[in-house]
């Protein structure tokens, strides 16, 4: 199934995380030094981050998106204790990769 790329224009609660907003972001790296959790320096929300389970992907907090750019949101419940198994079984990492058609 071919997906259309959609540009989402929105940001955090204070709206400072728009466009070139590196000056308004702080990054926290946990114990494994793999994931990069970003926070707004002003309102504190994590509007996006790079997960350790998929370094090629970016996780976006759905409430930080402009709802007019969303046509469908699928919510899947899973066992949080075993989330890495769920992640591997579902092939979620493939969803963040853009493959060339060449």
Protein backbone atom coordinates (compact mmCIF):
# COMPACT_ATOMS: atom_id res chain seq x y z
CA UNK A 1 0.00 0.00 0.00
CA UNK A 2 1.44 3.33 -1.09
CA UNK A 3 1.15 6.20 1.39
CA UNK A 4 1.03 9.87 0.54
CA UNK A 5 3.52 12.01 2.46
CA UNK A 6 1.82 14.76 4.45
CA UNK A 7 3.54 17.87 5.79
CA UNK A 8 2.26 18.61 9.29
CA UNK A 9 2.42 22.23 10.45
CA UNK A 10 1.85 22.60 14.14
CA UNK A 11 3.87 22.49 17.30
CA UNK A 12 3.83 22.44 21.06
CA UNK A 13 1.39 24.19 23.39
CA UNK A 14 3.30 27.48 23.40
CA UNK A 15 3.71 27.33 19.57
CA UNK A 16 7.44 28.09 19.79
CA UNK A 17 8.37 24.73 18.21
CA UNK A 18 7.60 25.69 14.64
CA UNK A 19 9.99 25.76 11.69
CA UNK A 20 13.60 26.37 12.71
CA UNK A 21 13.08 26.00 16.44
CA UNK A 22 16.35 24.50 17.71
CA UNK A 23 16.82 27.45 20.05
CA UNK A 24 13.59 26.54 21.87
CA UNK A 25 14.36 22.81 22.32
CA UNK A 26 16.27 21.00 25.03
CA UNK A 27 17.25 17.35 24.66
CA UNK A 28 17.50 14.69 27.36
CA UNK A 29 19.33 11.41 26.76
CA UNK A 30 18.64 8.51 29.13
CA UNK A 31 20.97 5.77 30.38
CA UNK A 32 21.56 3.99 27.05
CA UNK A 33 22.45 7.29 25.33
CA UNK A 34 20.47 6.18 22.30
CA UNK A 35 17.05 7.82 22.39
CA UNK A 36 16.85 11.60 22.17
CA UNK A 37 13.91 13.06 24.07
CA UNK A 38 13.23 16.66 23.11
CA UNK A 39 11.28 19.16 25.20
CA UNK A 40 10.08 22.69 24.68
CA UNK A 41 12.11 25.01 26.92
CA UNK A 42 8.95 27.02 27.50
CA UNK A 43 5.96 24.71 27.97
CA UNK A 44 7.85 21.45 28.63
CA UNK A 45 5.95 19.20 26.23
CA UNK A 46 7.68 16.43 24.30
CA UNK A 47 6.26 17.13 20.87
CA UNK A 48 8.66 14.68 19.18
CA UNK A 49 11.63 12.46 19.96
CA UNK A 50 13.96 9.86 18.43
CA UNK A 51 13.23 6.45 20.00
CA UNK A 52 16.00 3.98 20.79
CA UNK A 53 13.95 1.26 19.12
CA UNK A 54 13.97 3.08 15.77
CA UNK A 55 16.80 5.55 15.30
CA UNK A 56 15.70 6.26 11.73
CA UNK A 57 12.27 7.35 12.93
CA UNK A 58 10.76 10.20 14.87
CA UNK A 59 7.88 9.78 17.28
CA UNK A 60 5.44 12.68 17.17
CA UNK A 61 2.94 13.42 19.93
CA UNK A 62 -0.38 13.25 18.10
CA UNK A 63 -1.89 16.14 20.09
CA UNK A 64 0.84 18.40 18.70
CA UNK A 65 -0.37 17.89 15.12
CA UNK A 66 -2.85 20.06 13.28
CA UNK A 67 -5.96 17.83 13.23
CA UNK A 68 -6.83 19.14 9.76
CA UNK A 69 -3.82 17.22 8.38
CA UNK A 70 -4.89 13.88 9.88
CA UNK A 71 -7.19 11.62 7.93
CA UNK A 72 -6.82 8.57 10.15
CA UNK A 73 -5.32 7.67 13.52
CA UNK A 74 -5.08 4.03 14.55
CA UNK A 75 -4.78 3.28 18.25
CA UNK A 76 -3.44 -0.14 19.22
CA UNK A 77 -3.43 -1.35 22.81
CA UNK A 78 -0.46 -3.42 23.93
CA UNK A 79 1.28 -4.69 27.04
CA UNK A 80 3.58 -1.87 28.10
CA UNK A 81 5.87 -4.25 29.98
CA UNK A 82 6.65 -6.09 26.74
CA UNK A 83 6.45 -3.16 24.32
CA UNK A 84 9.68 -4.08 22.52
CA UNK A 85 8.20 -7.48 21.51
CA UNK A 86 5.06 -5.74 20.22
CA UNK A 87 7.22 -3.29 18.30
CA UNK A 88 9.24 -6.05 16.60
CA UNK A 89 6.18 -8.20 15.80
CA UNK A 90 4.29 -5.32 14.18
CA UNK A 91 7.21 -4.07 12.06
CA UNK A 92 6.58 -0.51 13.19
CA UNK A 93 10.14 0.54 12.29
CA UNK A 94 9.32 0.02 8.62
CA UNK A 95 6.61 2.68 8.86
CA UNK A 96 9.19 5.44 9.37
CA UNK A 97 11.39 4.53 6.43
CA UNK A 98 10.98 6.20 3.06
CA UNK A 99 11.92 3.79 0.32
CA UNK A 100 13.12 4.92 -3.08
CA UNK A 101 11.17 3.66 -6.09
CA UNK A 102 14.28 3.75 -8.32
